[in-house]
N, C-alpha and C. Protein backbone atom coordinates (compact mmCIF):
# COMPACT_ATOMS: atom_id res chain seq x y z
N MET A 1 0.78 -1.19 0.17
CA MET A 1 0.04 0.18 0.09
C MET A 1 0.68 1.13 0.19
N ILE A 2 0.86 2.03 -0.87
CA ILE A 2 1.10 3.34 -1.11
C ILE A 2 0.31 4.04 -0.03
N VAL A 3 1.30 5.03 0.95
CA VAL A 3 0.67 6.19 1.61
C VAL A 3 0.77 7.34 1.21
N GLN A 4 0.32 8.75 1.58
CA GLN A 4 0.56 10.12 1.73
C GLN A 4 1.55 10.21 2.87
N PHE A 5 2.36 10.61 2.44
CA PHE A 5 3.39 10.94 3.80
C PHE A 5 3.09 12.49 4.09
N VAL A 6 2.97 12.45 5.43
CA VAL A 6 2.53 14.05 5.93
C VAL A 6 3.70 14.37 6.95
N ALA A 7 4.42 15.47 7.01
CA ALA A 7 5.62 15.60 8.26
C ALA A 7 5.10 15.77 9.44
N ARG A 8 5.47 14.92 10.52
CA ARG A 8 5.15 14.94 11.50
C ARG A 8 5.49 16.39 12.43
N ARG A 9 6.59 16.66 12.24
CA ARG A 9 7.30 17.89 12.86
C ARG A 9 8.53 18.24 12.05
N ARG A 10 9.00 19.55 12.53
CA ARG A 10 10.52 19.48 12.59
C ARG A 10 11.24 19.46 13.67
N VAL A 11 12.25 18.38 13.53
CA VAL A 11 13.16 18.30 14.69
C VAL A 11 13.08 19.08 15.98
N ALA A 12 13.29 20.37 15.37
CA ALA A 12 13.73 21.10 16.52
C ALA A 12 12.67 21.95 17.30
N ASP A 13 11.43 21.48 16.50
CA ASP A 13 9.73 22.09 17.22
C ASP A 13 9.20 20.81 17.85
N THR A 14 9.28 20.61 18.88
CA THR A 14 8.51 19.53 19.40
C THR A 14 7.38 19.96 20.22
N GLY A 15 7.31 21.01 21.09
CA GLY A 15 6.83 21.22 22.18
C GLY A 15 5.24 20.87 22.16
N SER A 16 4.49 21.46 20.87
CA SER A 16 3.16 21.20 21.11
C SER A 16 2.35 19.59 20.45
N LEU A 17 3.40 18.88 20.64
CA LEU A 17 3.03 17.53 19.66
C LEU A 17 3.12 16.42 20.46
N PRO A 18 2.06 15.72 20.20
CA PRO A 18 2.23 14.30 21.42
C PRO A 18 3.79 13.77 21.35
N ALA A 19 4.16 13.16 22.51
CA ALA A 19 5.19 12.77 22.58
C ALA A 19 5.60 11.46 21.76
N SER A 20 4.64 10.81 21.26
CA SER A 20 4.63 9.67 20.51
C SER A 20 5.38 10.02 18.73
N TRP A 21 4.88 11.56 18.38
CA TRP A 21 5.53 12.27 17.46
C TRP A 21 6.95 12.82 17.57
N GLN A 22 7.46 12.36 18.72
CA GLN A 22 8.78 13.44 18.49
C GLN A 22 10.15 12.42 18.55
N THR A 23 11.10 13.00 18.23
CA THR A 23 12.30 12.22 18.25
C THR A 23 12.51 11.77 19.80
N PRO A 24 12.60 10.30 20.51
CA PRO A 24 12.60 9.64 21.84
C PRO A 24 14.31 10.24 22.23
N ALA A 25 14.22 10.00 23.21
CA ALA A 25 15.09 10.82 24.01
C ALA A 25 16.26 9.67 23.87
N VAL A 26 17.75 10.15 23.92
CA VAL A 26 19.01 9.36 23.35
C VAL A 26 18.98 7.69 24.07
N SER A 27 18.64 8.05 25.36
CA SER A 27 18.80 6.75 26.25
C SER A 27 17.51 5.95 25.76
N GLU A 28 16.58 6.17 24.72
CA GLU A 28 15.60 5.29 24.59
C GLU A 28 15.88 4.98 23.14
N ALA A 29 16.37 5.73 21.92
CA ALA A 29 16.83 5.68 20.93
C ALA A 29 18.44 6.07 20.55
N PRO A 30 19.25 4.79 21.11
CA PRO A 30 20.79 5.19 20.59
C PRO A 30 21.41 5.30 19.40
N GLY A 31 20.38 4.30 18.50
CA GLY A 31 20.36 4.25 16.84
C GLY A 31 19.86 4.93 16.21
N TRP A 32 19.06 5.80 16.65
CA TRP A 32 18.42 6.78 15.52
C TRP A 32 19.36 8.42 15.71
N HIS A 33 19.58 8.34 17.64
CA HIS A 33 20.46 9.49 17.47
C HIS A 33 21.93 9.50 16.43
N ALA A 34 22.60 8.40 16.65
CA ALA A 34 23.77 8.13 16.43
C ALA A 34 23.54 8.52 14.91
N ILE A 35 22.16 8.10 13.97
CA ILE A 35 22.37 8.55 12.79
C ILE A 35 22.30 9.88 12.55
N GLU A 36 21.39 10.65 13.25
CA GLU A 36 21.17 11.79 13.18
C GLU A 36 22.43 12.73 13.27
N ARG A 37 23.26 12.16 14.50
CA ARG A 37 24.73 13.02 14.67
C ARG A 37 25.54 12.91 13.60
N ALA A 38 25.54 11.79 12.96
CA ALA A 38 26.42 11.40 11.58
C ALA A 38 26.11 12.26 10.40
N ILE A 39 24.85 12.32 10.19
CA ILE A 39 24.31 13.30 9.16
C ILE A 39 24.83 14.78 9.89
N ALA A 40 24.55 15.24 10.78
CA ALA A 40 24.74 16.45 11.33
C ALA A 40 26.38 16.81 11.27
N SER A 41 27.07 15.99 11.30
CA SER A 41 28.39 16.13 11.55
C SER A 41 28.96 16.51 9.82
N VAL A 42 28.15 16.24 9.27
CA VAL A 42 28.40 16.39 7.33
C VAL A 42 27.80 17.18 7.14
N HIS A 43 26.61 17.99 7.96
CA HIS A 43 25.60 18.91 7.38
C HIS A 43 25.20 19.81 8.35
N PRO A 44 26.41 20.35 8.95
CA PRO A 44 25.70 20.97 10.42
C PRO A 44 24.75 22.09 10.45
N GLY A 45 23.42 22.19 11.06
CA GLY A 45 22.86 23.22 10.95
C GLY A 45 21.66 23.19 10.51
N VAL A 46 21.69 21.89 9.76
CA VAL A 46 20.18 21.61 8.73
C VAL A 46 19.16 21.05 9.72
N THR A 47 18.36 21.43 9.54
CA THR A 47 16.89 20.73 10.36
C THR A 47 16.42 20.12 9.32
N PRO A 48 16.37 18.37 9.77
CA PRO A 48 15.14 17.41 9.18
C PRO A 48 13.87 17.84 9.25
N ILE A 49 13.45 17.50 8.34
CA ILE A 49 11.55 17.12 8.37
C ILE A 49 11.16 15.82 8.43
N HIS A 50 10.83 15.45 9.64
CA HIS A 50 10.52 13.63 9.70
C HIS A 50 8.93 13.65 9.59
N PHE A 51 9.08 12.62 8.66
CA PHE A 51 8.00 11.92 8.61
C PHE A 51 7.80 10.33 8.86
N GLY A 52 6.65 9.83 9.50
CA GLY A 52 6.11 8.63 9.73
C GLY A 52 6.13 7.88 8.58
N GLY A 53 6.47 6.77 8.75
CA GLY A 53 6.69 5.58 7.64
C GLY A 53 5.89 4.34 8.41
N GLU A 54 5.33 3.43 7.86
CA GLU A 54 4.40 2.43 7.69
C GLU A 54 3.40 2.26 8.81
N ALA A 55 2.53 3.82 8.72
CA ALA A 55 1.45 3.80 9.92
C ALA A 55 2.19 3.45 11.34
N ASP A 56 3.67 3.94 11.66
CA ASP A 56 4.07 3.61 13.24
C ASP A 56 4.33 2.21 12.91
N ALA A 57 5.36 1.62 12.14
CA ALA A 57 5.59 0.40 12.64
C ALA A 57 6.29 0.51 13.84
N LEU A 58 6.36 -0.83 14.37
CA LEU A 58 6.81 -1.19 15.42
C LEU A 58 8.43 -1.37 15.81
N PRO A 59 9.18 -0.54 16.74
CA PRO A 59 10.34 -0.56 16.58
C PRO A 59 10.90 -1.94 16.27
N ASN A 60 12.24 -1.98 15.58
CA ASN A 60 12.82 -2.94 14.66
C ASN A 60 11.95 -3.71 13.98
N GLN A 61 10.67 -3.27 13.23
CA GLN A 61 9.87 -4.58 12.76
C GLN A 61 9.47 -3.57 11.26
N GLY A 62 9.94 -2.69 10.55
CA GLY A 62 9.94 -1.90 9.29
C GLY A 62 10.55 -0.37 9.37
N VAL A 63 9.91 0.39 8.17
CA VAL A 63 10.85 1.59 8.21
C VAL A 63 9.82 2.66 9.33
N TRP A 64 10.37 3.12 10.56
CA TRP A 64 9.79 3.60 11.32
C TRP A 64 9.29 5.17 11.16
N GLY A 65 10.40 5.71 10.28
CA GLY A 65 10.46 7.05 9.96
C GLY A 65 11.26 7.52 8.72
N ILE A 66 10.99 8.38 8.12
CA ILE A 66 11.86 9.21 7.19
C ILE A 66 12.53 10.39 7.68
N ASN A 67 13.52 10.92 7.59
CA ASN A 67 14.23 12.33 7.78
C ASN A 67 14.64 12.57 6.30
N ALA A 68 14.12 14.04 6.43
CA ALA A 68 14.55 14.50 4.78
C ALA A 68 15.35 15.77 5.05
N TYR A 69 16.46 16.00 4.77
CA TYR A 69 17.09 17.07 4.91
C TYR A 69 17.19 18.32 3.77
N PRO A 70 16.75 19.36 3.95
CA PRO A 70 17.09 20.42 2.65
C PRO A 70 18.92 20.75 2.81
N LEU A 71 19.24 20.42 1.25
CA LEU A 71 20.59 20.88 1.12
C LEU A 71 20.52 21.82 0.20
N GLU A 72 21.85 21.94 -0.40
CA GLU A 72 22.03 23.40 -1.80
C GLU A 72 21.52 22.13 -2.87
N GLY A 73 20.02 22.85 -3.34
CA GLY A 73 19.96 22.00 -4.55
C GLY A 73 19.33 20.89 -4.74
N HIS A 74 19.35 19.94 -3.46
CA HIS A 74 18.84 18.81 -3.56
C HIS A 74 18.08 18.26 -1.86
N TRP A 75 17.45 17.49 -1.62
CA TRP A 75 17.22 16.76 -0.55
C TRP A 75 17.79 15.60 -0.44
N LEU A 76 18.32 15.72 0.97
CA LEU A 76 18.94 14.27 1.25
C LEU A 76 17.99 13.19 2.18
N ILE A 77 17.56 12.31 1.62
CA ILE A 77 16.55 11.59 2.57
C ILE A 77 16.89 10.33 2.89
N VAL A 78 16.62 10.25 4.13
CA VAL A 78 17.24 8.81 4.95
C VAL A 78 16.28 8.17 5.71
N THR A 79 16.14 6.96 5.28
CA THR A 79 15.19 6.23 6.34
C THR A 79 15.87 6.04 7.81
N LEU A 80 14.47 5.62 8.41
CA LEU A 80 14.88 5.34 9.93
C LEU A 80 14.14 4.23 10.17
N GLY A 81 14.90 2.82 10.79
CA GLY A 81 14.07 1.43 10.83
C GLY A 81 14.99 0.14 10.05
N LEU A 82 15.63 0.30 9.32
CA LEU A 82 16.41 -0.78 8.48
C LEU A 82 17.31 -1.38 9.71
N THR A 83 17.78 -0.04 10.49
CA THR A 83 18.58 -0.42 11.70
C THR A 83 17.95 -0.40 13.04
N GLU A 84 18.46 -0.86 14.11
CA GLU A 84 17.91 -1.38 15.25
C GLU A 84 18.17 0.43 16.45
N LEU A 85 16.97 1.10 15.90
CA LEU A 85 16.69 2.36 16.61
C LEU A 85 16.92 2.48 17.89
N PHE A 86 16.06 1.38 18.38
CA PHE A 86 15.83 1.61 19.91
C PHE A 86 16.74 0.48 20.58
N GLU A 87 15.82 -0.37 21.02
CA GLU A 87 16.89 -1.60 22.10
C GLU A 87 17.36 -2.49 20.56
N LYS A 88 18.56 -3.52 21.22
CA LYS A 88 19.25 -4.33 20.26
C LYS A 88 18.37 -5.47 20.88
N ARG A 89 17.74 -5.88 19.58
CA ARG A 89 17.36 -7.49 19.38
C ARG A 89 17.77 -8.53 18.62
N SER A 90 18.82 -8.00 17.59
CA SER A 90 19.60 -9.21 16.70
C SER A 90 20.60 -10.14 17.35
N ASP A 91 20.79 -10.92 16.84
CA ASP A 91 21.90 -11.88 18.11
C ASP A 91 23.48 -11.29 17.46
N ASP A 92 23.47 -10.52 16.34
CA ASP A 92 24.68 -9.96 16.06
C ASP A 92 25.43 -8.84 16.68
N PRO A 93 25.90 -8.85 17.45
CA PRO A 93 26.34 -7.71 18.12
C PRO A 93 27.14 -6.34 17.43
N SER A 94 27.58 -6.96 16.14
CA SER A 94 28.56 -6.15 15.39
C SER A 94 27.89 -5.21 14.39
N THR A 95 26.67 -5.75 13.69
CA THR A 95 25.77 -5.49 13.12
C THR A 95 24.73 -4.62 13.65
N SER A 96 24.06 -3.47 13.34
CA SER A 96 22.50 -3.00 13.77
C SER A 96 21.60 -3.22 12.69
N GLY A 97 20.84 -4.16 13.37
CA GLY A 97 19.28 -4.94 12.41
C GLY A 97 20.11 -5.05 11.01
N TRP A 98 19.69 -4.80 9.99
CA TRP A 98 19.78 -4.93 8.70
C TRP A 98 21.34 -4.76 7.99
N GLY A 99 21.96 -3.41 9.14
CA GLY A 99 23.07 -3.09 8.91
C GLY A 99 23.22 -1.92 7.85
N PHE A 100 22.06 -1.57 7.61
CA PHE A 100 22.05 -0.58 6.50
C PHE A 100 20.95 0.68 6.95
N GLU A 101 21.35 1.70 6.37
CA GLU A 101 19.83 2.76 6.30
C GLU A 101 19.54 3.09 4.81
N LEU A 102 18.87 3.35 4.14
CA LEU A 102 18.96 3.60 2.65
C LEU A 102 18.68 5.43 2.45
N THR A 103 19.70 5.80 1.65
CA THR A 103 19.54 7.20 1.22
C THR A 103 19.18 7.65 -0.27
N ILE A 104 18.57 8.71 -0.37
CA ILE A 104 17.91 9.06 -2.04
C ILE A 104 18.49 10.43 -1.66
N ARG A 105 19.14 11.31 -2.97
CA ARG A 105 19.41 12.27 -3.36
C ARG A 105 18.12 13.10 -4.34
N ALA A 106 17.29 13.50 -3.74
CA ALA A 106 16.42 13.96 -5.23
C ALA A 106 16.20 15.46 -5.13
N LEU A 107 15.92 16.36 -6.20
CA LEU A 107 16.11 17.72 -6.42
C LEU A 107 15.70 18.60 -5.63
N LEU A 108 15.68 19.61 -5.06
CA LEU A 108 14.82 20.37 -4.25
C LEU A 108 14.31 21.41 -5.11
N THR A 109 12.72 21.06 -5.36
CA THR A 109 12.05 22.01 -6.01
C THR A 109 10.75 22.76 -5.40
N GLY A 110 10.98 22.80 -3.59
CA GLY A 110 9.92 23.36 -3.03
C GLY A 110 10.29 23.18 -1.83
N ASP A 111 9.59 23.53 -0.54
CA ASP A 111 9.69 23.15 0.55
C ASP A 111 9.56 21.90 1.37
N GLN A 112 8.59 21.04 0.34
CA GLN A 112 8.87 19.49 0.75
C GLN A 112 9.53 18.96 -0.36
N PRO A 113 9.93 17.59 0.70
CA PRO A 113 10.47 16.65 -0.51
C PRO A 113 9.52 16.02 -1.54
N PRO A 114 10.09 15.29 -2.56
CA PRO A 114 8.79 15.03 -3.52
C PRO A 114 8.65 13.62 -2.64
N GLN A 115 6.78 13.43 -2.99
CA GLN A 115 6.10 11.89 -2.49
C GLN A 115 6.97 10.88 -3.21
N TRP A 116 7.46 10.83 -4.44
CA TRP A 116 7.93 9.57 -5.12
C TRP A 116 8.76 9.19 -4.24
N ALA A 117 9.66 10.20 -3.76
CA ALA A 117 11.24 9.47 -3.02
C ALA A 117 10.71 8.63 -1.60
N LEU A 118 9.71 9.26 -0.79
CA LEU A 118 9.40 9.39 0.43
C LEU A 118 8.51 7.41 -0.06
N GLN A 119 7.60 7.53 -0.98
CA GLN A 119 6.90 6.17 -0.91
C GLN A 119 8.26 5.16 -1.34
N LEU A 120 9.06 5.43 -2.27
CA LEU A 120 10.07 4.88 -2.50
C LEU A 120 10.96 4.12 -1.67
N LEU A 121 11.57 4.94 -0.84
CA LEU A 121 12.18 4.17 0.35
C LEU A 121 11.38 3.63 1.09
N GLN A 122 10.16 3.75 1.38
CA GLN A 122 9.41 2.69 2.03
C GLN A 122 8.95 1.68 1.60
N ALA A 123 8.38 1.42 0.23
CA ALA A 123 8.55 0.24 -0.42
C ALA A 123 9.47 -0.46 -0.49
N LEU A 124 10.81 0.10 -0.61
CA LEU A 124 12.08 -0.46 -0.58
C LEU A 124 12.32 -1.44 0.67
N GLY A 125 12.23 -0.51 1.80
CA GLY A 125 12.13 -0.68 3.04
C GLY A 125 11.39 -1.87 3.50
N ARG A 126 10.28 -2.14 3.09
CA ARG A 126 9.26 -3.29 3.37
C ARG A 126 9.67 -4.22 2.51
N ALA A 127 9.89 -4.12 1.21
CA ALA A 127 10.90 -4.99 0.72
C ALA A 127 11.62 -6.01 1.33
N VAL A 128 12.76 -5.79 2.06
CA VAL A 128 13.46 -5.79 2.97
C VAL A 128 12.84 -6.45 3.80
N TYR A 129 12.04 -6.44 4.59
CA TYR A 129 11.70 -6.77 5.75
C TYR A 129 10.37 -7.95 5.46
N SER A 130 9.91 -7.37 4.41
CA SER A 130 9.00 -9.09 3.85
C SER A 130 9.62 -10.05 2.78
N THR A 131 11.04 -10.13 2.51
CA THR A 131 11.65 -11.25 1.62
C THR A 131 12.71 -11.35 2.16
N GLY A 132 13.27 -10.95 3.60
CA GLY A 132 14.30 -11.32 4.10
C GLY A 132 15.67 -11.04 3.22
N ARG A 133 15.53 -10.07 2.70
CA ARG A 133 16.69 -9.94 1.70
C ARG A 133 17.30 -8.82 1.58
N PRO A 134 18.35 -8.38 2.40
CA PRO A 134 18.99 -7.10 2.15
C PRO A 134 19.75 -6.62 0.86
N PHE A 135 19.46 -5.17 0.52
CA PHE A 135 20.25 -4.41 -0.46
C PHE A 135 21.39 -4.39 -0.35
N GLY A 136 22.33 -4.30 -1.21
CA GLY A 136 23.73 -4.11 -0.75
C GLY A 136 24.10 -3.05 -2.14
N ASP A 137 25.57 -2.63 -1.76
CA ASP A 137 26.31 -2.49 -2.99
C ASP A 137 26.64 -2.54 -4.39
N GLY A 138 26.18 -1.78 -5.28
CA GLY A 138 26.30 -2.76 -6.63
C GLY A 138 25.02 -3.70 -7.06
N HIS A 139 24.02 -3.56 -6.28
CA HIS A 139 22.56 -3.99 -6.42
C HIS A 139 21.80 -3.35 -7.45
N ARG A 140 20.79 -4.24 -7.75
CA ARG A 140 20.23 -3.30 -8.94
C ARG A 140 18.89 -3.87 -8.79
N LEU A 141 17.68 -3.30 -9.13
CA LEU A 141 16.44 -3.83 -9.27
C LEU A 141 15.91 -3.06 -10.09
N ASP A 142 14.77 -3.75 -10.81
CA ASP A 142 13.91 -3.24 -12.01
C ASP A 142 12.45 -3.28 -11.49
N PRO A 143 11.84 -2.29 -11.14
CA PRO A 143 10.34 -2.46 -10.11
C PRO A 143 9.39 -2.77 -11.44
N GLY A 144 9.39 -2.77 -12.59
CA GLY A 144 8.34 -3.04 -13.44
C GLY A 144 7.92 -1.73 -13.93
N GLU A 145 8.23 -0.56 -13.47
CA GLU A 145 7.31 0.89 -13.75
C GLU A 145 8.49 1.68 -13.14
N PRO A 146 7.79 3.05 -13.54
CA PRO A 146 8.69 4.67 -13.50
C PRO A 146 8.85 4.50 -11.99
N ILE A 147 10.05 4.77 -11.42
CA ILE A 147 10.26 5.00 -9.76
C ILE A 147 9.89 5.92 -9.49
N THR A 148 8.84 6.98 -10.45
CA THR A 148 8.29 8.08 -9.97
C THR A 148 6.69 7.64 -9.50
N GLY A 149 6.22 6.61 -10.11
CA GLY A 149 4.89 6.66 -10.16
C GLY A 149 4.65 6.83 -11.66
N SER A 150 5.32 7.66 -12.12
CA SER A 150 4.33 8.48 -13.35
C SER A 150 5.46 8.23 -14.38
N ASN A 151 4.48 8.26 -15.73
CA ASN A 151 5.26 7.92 -16.79
C ASN A 151 6.03 8.71 -17.61
N ASP A 152 6.26 10.46 -16.98
CA ASP A 152 6.73 11.48 -17.95
C ASP A 152 8.21 11.17 -17.32
N THR A 153 8.93 9.98 -16.60
CA THR A 153 10.02 9.84 -16.63
C THR A 153 10.78 8.78 -17.33
N ARG A 154 12.15 8.92 -17.59
CA ARG A 154 12.71 7.43 -18.17
C ARG A 154 13.26 6.53 -17.12
N LEU A 155 13.64 7.06 -15.64
CA LEU A 155 13.98 6.26 -15.00
C LEU A 155 13.02 5.26 -14.29
N ARG A 156 13.62 4.07 -14.63
CA ARG A 156 12.73 2.99 -14.71
C ARG A 156 13.19 1.86 -13.98
N ALA A 157 14.55 2.14 -13.04
CA ALA A 157 15.14 1.01 -12.64
C ALA A 157 15.72 1.62 -11.30
N ILE A 158 16.78 1.09 -10.69
CA ILE A 158 17.41 1.46 -9.32
C ILE A 158 18.78 0.59 -9.33
N ALA A 159 19.67 1.58 -9.03
CA ALA A 159 21.02 1.23 -8.62
C ALA A 159 21.24 1.24 -7.33
N PHE A 160 21.65 0.53 -6.46
CA PHE A 160 22.24 1.09 -4.82
C PHE A 160 24.09 1.20 -5.02
N ALA A 161 24.47 2.01 -4.24
CA ALA A 161 26.11 2.41 -3.89
C ALA A 161 25.97 2.94 -2.64
N THR A 162 27.25 2.51 -1.88
CA THR A 162 27.68 3.18 -0.88
C THR A 162 27.38 4.54 -1.17
N ASP A 163 26.76 5.33 -0.03
CA ASP A 163 26.72 6.59 -0.16
C ASP A 163 27.83 7.20 0.07
N SER A 164 28.30 8.22 -0.83
CA SER A 164 29.82 8.44 -1.16
C SER A 164 30.34 9.85 0.05
N GLU A 165 28.82 10.28 0.94
CA GLU A 165 29.13 11.36 1.68
C GLU A 165 29.20 10.73 3.27
N LEU A 166 28.40 9.89 3.34
CA LEU A 166 28.09 9.36 4.40
C LEU A 166 28.47 7.96 5.17
N ASP A 167 29.88 8.24 5.88
CA ASP A 167 30.45 6.92 6.36
C ASP A 167 29.85 6.07 7.27
N PRO A 168 30.22 4.70 7.27
CA PRO A 168 29.69 4.18 7.99
C PRO A 168 29.68 4.25 9.53
N ILE A 169 28.95 4.31 10.48
CA ILE A 169 29.11 4.64 11.76
C ILE A 169 28.60 3.33 13.00
N ASP A 170 29.68 3.52 14.06
CA ASP A 170 29.58 2.50 14.80
C ASP A 170 28.78 2.60 16.18
N THR A 171 27.15 2.46 15.98
CA THR A 171 26.47 2.74 17.36
C THR A 171 26.35 1.91 18.59
N ALA A 172 25.47 1.99 19.56
CA ALA A 172 25.59 1.34 20.55
C ALA A 172 24.48 -0.20 20.03
N ASN A 173 24.41 -0.34 18.85
CA ASN A 173 23.67 -1.36 18.65
C ASN A 173 24.00 -2.06 17.66
N GLY A 174 25.52 -1.70 17.13
CA GLY A 174 26.08 -2.15 16.10
C GLY A 174 26.50 -0.92 14.51
N ARG A 175 27.21 -1.33 13.99
CA ARG A 175 27.50 -0.87 12.92
C ARG A 175 26.65 -0.57 11.95
N VAL A 176 26.47 0.75 11.42
CA VAL A 176 25.58 0.73 10.12
C VAL A 176 26.51 1.97 8.78
N ASN A 177 25.70 1.57 8.51
CA ASN A 177 26.14 1.49 6.79
C ASN A 177 24.80 2.66 6.34
N PHE A 178 25.28 3.57 4.97
CA PHE A 178 24.39 3.85 4.51
C PHE A 178 24.63 4.00 2.82
N LEU A 179 23.41 3.35 2.36
CA LEU A 179 23.42 3.05 1.02
C LEU A 179 22.53 3.62 0.37
N GLN A 180 22.95 4.26 -0.86
CA GLN A 180 21.93 5.43 -1.57
C GLN A 180 21.58 4.58 -2.65
N VAL A 181 20.40 5.20 -2.90
CA VAL A 181 19.37 4.93 -4.05
C VAL A 181 19.47 5.49 -5.34
N VAL A 182 19.76 5.15 -6.29
CA VAL A 182 20.05 5.96 -7.51
C VAL A 182 18.99 5.50 -8.55
N GLY A 183 18.25 6.49 -9.03
CA GLY A 183 17.56 6.16 -10.41
C GLY A 183 18.21 5.96 -11.66
N ILE A 184 17.93 4.97 -12.30
CA ILE A 184 18.37 4.70 -13.92
C ILE A 184 17.58 4.48 -14.90
N THR A 185 17.86 4.54 -16.27
CA THR A 185 17.09 4.26 -17.42
C THR A 185 17.04 2.74 -17.51
N GLN A 186 16.24 2.19 -18.41
CA GLN A 186 16.56 0.53 -18.99
C GLN A 186 17.92 0.71 -19.82
N GLU A 187 18.09 1.46 -20.57
CA GLU A 187 19.26 1.89 -21.15
C GLU A 187 20.69 1.49 -19.95
N GLU A 188 20.73 2.22 -19.20
CA GLU A 188 21.53 2.15 -18.43
C GLU A 188 21.88 0.43 -17.40
N LEU A 189 20.74 0.07 -16.85
CA LEU A 189 20.32 -0.91 -16.44
C LEU A 189 21.01 -1.67 -17.26
N ALA A 190 20.42 -2.03 -18.60
CA ALA A 190 21.01 -2.86 -19.42
C ALA A 190 22.80 -2.93 -19.48
N ALA A 191 23.30 -1.58 -19.59
CA ALA A 191 24.79 -1.19 -19.49
C ALA A 191 25.60 -2.12 -18.32
N MET A 192 24.47 -2.13 -17.39
CA MET A 192 25.07 -2.57 -15.78
C MET A 192 25.32 -3.77 -16.18
N LYS A 193 24.12 -4.85 -16.58
CA LYS A 193 24.56 -6.09 -16.86
C LYS A 193 25.48 -6.42 -17.59
N GLU A 194 26.05 -5.92 -18.58
CA GLU A 194 26.87 -6.01 -19.57
C GLU A 194 28.38 -5.80 -19.07
N THR A 195 28.07 -4.36 -18.01
CA THR A 195 29.51 -4.24 -17.48
C THR A 195 29.90 -4.43 -16.17
N SER A 196 29.32 -3.65 -15.29
CA SER A 196 28.88 -3.89 -14.05
C SER A 196 28.26 -2.49 -13.34
N THR A 197 27.31 -2.57 -11.98
CA THR A 197 26.89 -1.34 -11.80
C THR A 197 27.71 -0.41 -11.09
N ALA A 198 29.08 -0.69 -10.81
CA ALA A 198 29.83 0.24 -10.39
C ALA A 198 30.25 1.09 -11.65
N ALA A 199 30.68 0.52 -12.98
CA ALA A 199 31.09 1.18 -13.84
C ALA A 199 30.00 2.11 -14.56
N VAL A 200 29.30 1.91 -14.81
CA VAL A 200 27.85 2.73 -15.13
C VAL A 200 28.24 3.81 -13.98
N LEU A 201 27.48 3.64 -12.62
CA LEU A 201 27.73 4.65 -11.50
C LEU A 201 28.80 5.77 -11.78
N ASP A 202 30.11 5.19 -11.85
CA ASP A 202 31.31 5.91 -12.15
C ASP A 202 30.92 7.03 -13.36
N GLY A 203 30.30 6.80 -14.43
CA GLY A 203 30.21 7.55 -15.63
C GLY A 203 29.18 8.38 -15.22
N LEU A 204 28.06 8.09 -14.45
CA LEU A 204 26.87 9.02 -13.73
C LEU A 204 27.61 9.80 -13.18
N ARG A 205 28.26 9.83 -12.37
CA ARG A 205 29.32 10.64 -11.33
C ARG A 205 30.20 11.92 -11.92
N THR A 206 30.43 11.57 -13.49
CA THR A 206 31.39 12.59 -13.87
C THR A 206 29.88 14.06 -14.37
N LEU A 207 29.04 13.40 -14.13
CA LEU A 207 28.33 14.14 -14.34
C LEU A 207 27.66 15.27 -13.71
N ASP A 208 27.10 14.45 -12.34
CA ASP A 208 27.01 14.75 -10.65
C ASP A 208 27.46 13.57 -10.03
N PRO A 209 28.69 14.20 -9.02
CA PRO A 209 29.52 13.31 -8.29
C PRO A 209 28.47 13.17 -7.07
N LEU A 210 27.61 13.83 -6.76
CA LEU A 210 26.31 13.54 -5.61
C LEU A 210 25.70 12.13 -5.88
N LEU A 211 25.16 11.86 -7.54
CA LEU A 211 24.28 10.83 -8.07
C LEU A 211 22.91 11.01 -7.47
N ARG A 212 22.21 12.71 -8.01
CA ARG A 212 21.23 12.83 -7.37
C ARG A 212 19.99 12.56 -8.21
N VAL A 213 18.94 12.26 -7.95
CA VAL A 213 17.74 11.82 -8.54
C VAL A 213 16.90 12.95 -9.63
N ASP A 214 17.36 12.73 -10.86
CA ASP A 214 16.58 13.95 -11.21
C ASP A 214 15.14 13.37 -12.42
N PRO A 215 13.93 13.29 -12.02
CA PRO A 215 13.21 12.60 -12.84
C PRO A 215 13.08 12.86 -14.70
N ALA A 216 13.39 14.22 -14.83
CA ALA A 216 13.58 14.73 -16.12
C ALA A 216 14.74 14.38 -16.80
N ARG A 217 15.93 13.63 -16.39
CA ARG A 217 17.01 13.45 -16.42
C ARG A 217 16.94 12.68 -18.07
N VAL A 218 17.58 12.59 -19.27
CA VAL A 218 17.26 12.13 -20.51
C VAL A 218 18.51 11.06 -20.52
């Protein structure tokens, strides 16, 4: 099911909102706070917009939320919930949850991130939990339809790459990597199958080192 995302709150303004809609205390969510600290170290002073995901999924059982950071020319959008945000439940002390959170960089065209990007990350997170198969660097995915849900884009497939800006972090619940979602065309997908995901993404980086997703890209 695709949901319409509505911003719960801006992180810096929680006074009038219910406690369940606010970032929990550090002691309650060490994984969550470690992720936000890591992004703040790269983009200091940027306040994210927080969105609820999966109808408030239970901790460690789904994409609990999504943070969207307005940066120069684009949104940095990051999932919260593929790793262990709250208490440690998995048996592997070295890895937090699935070991990664997803990121995507979408062009900044207004004061809210595009719904398609939020919905795409939610759907990818749901796929990990439902299949038990995590994504990784160099993976590819053909969803069979445009990644934005609209036929006015040529981006109809996805590649995954280690995020070039966000380094892996060690949290109280284990290690967390950041895995970037990149929109690609069917032609680029075919080229990746002939060569490699990395080779084609390296070519795209010559045009945009951040691999921002532009649905109008030809």
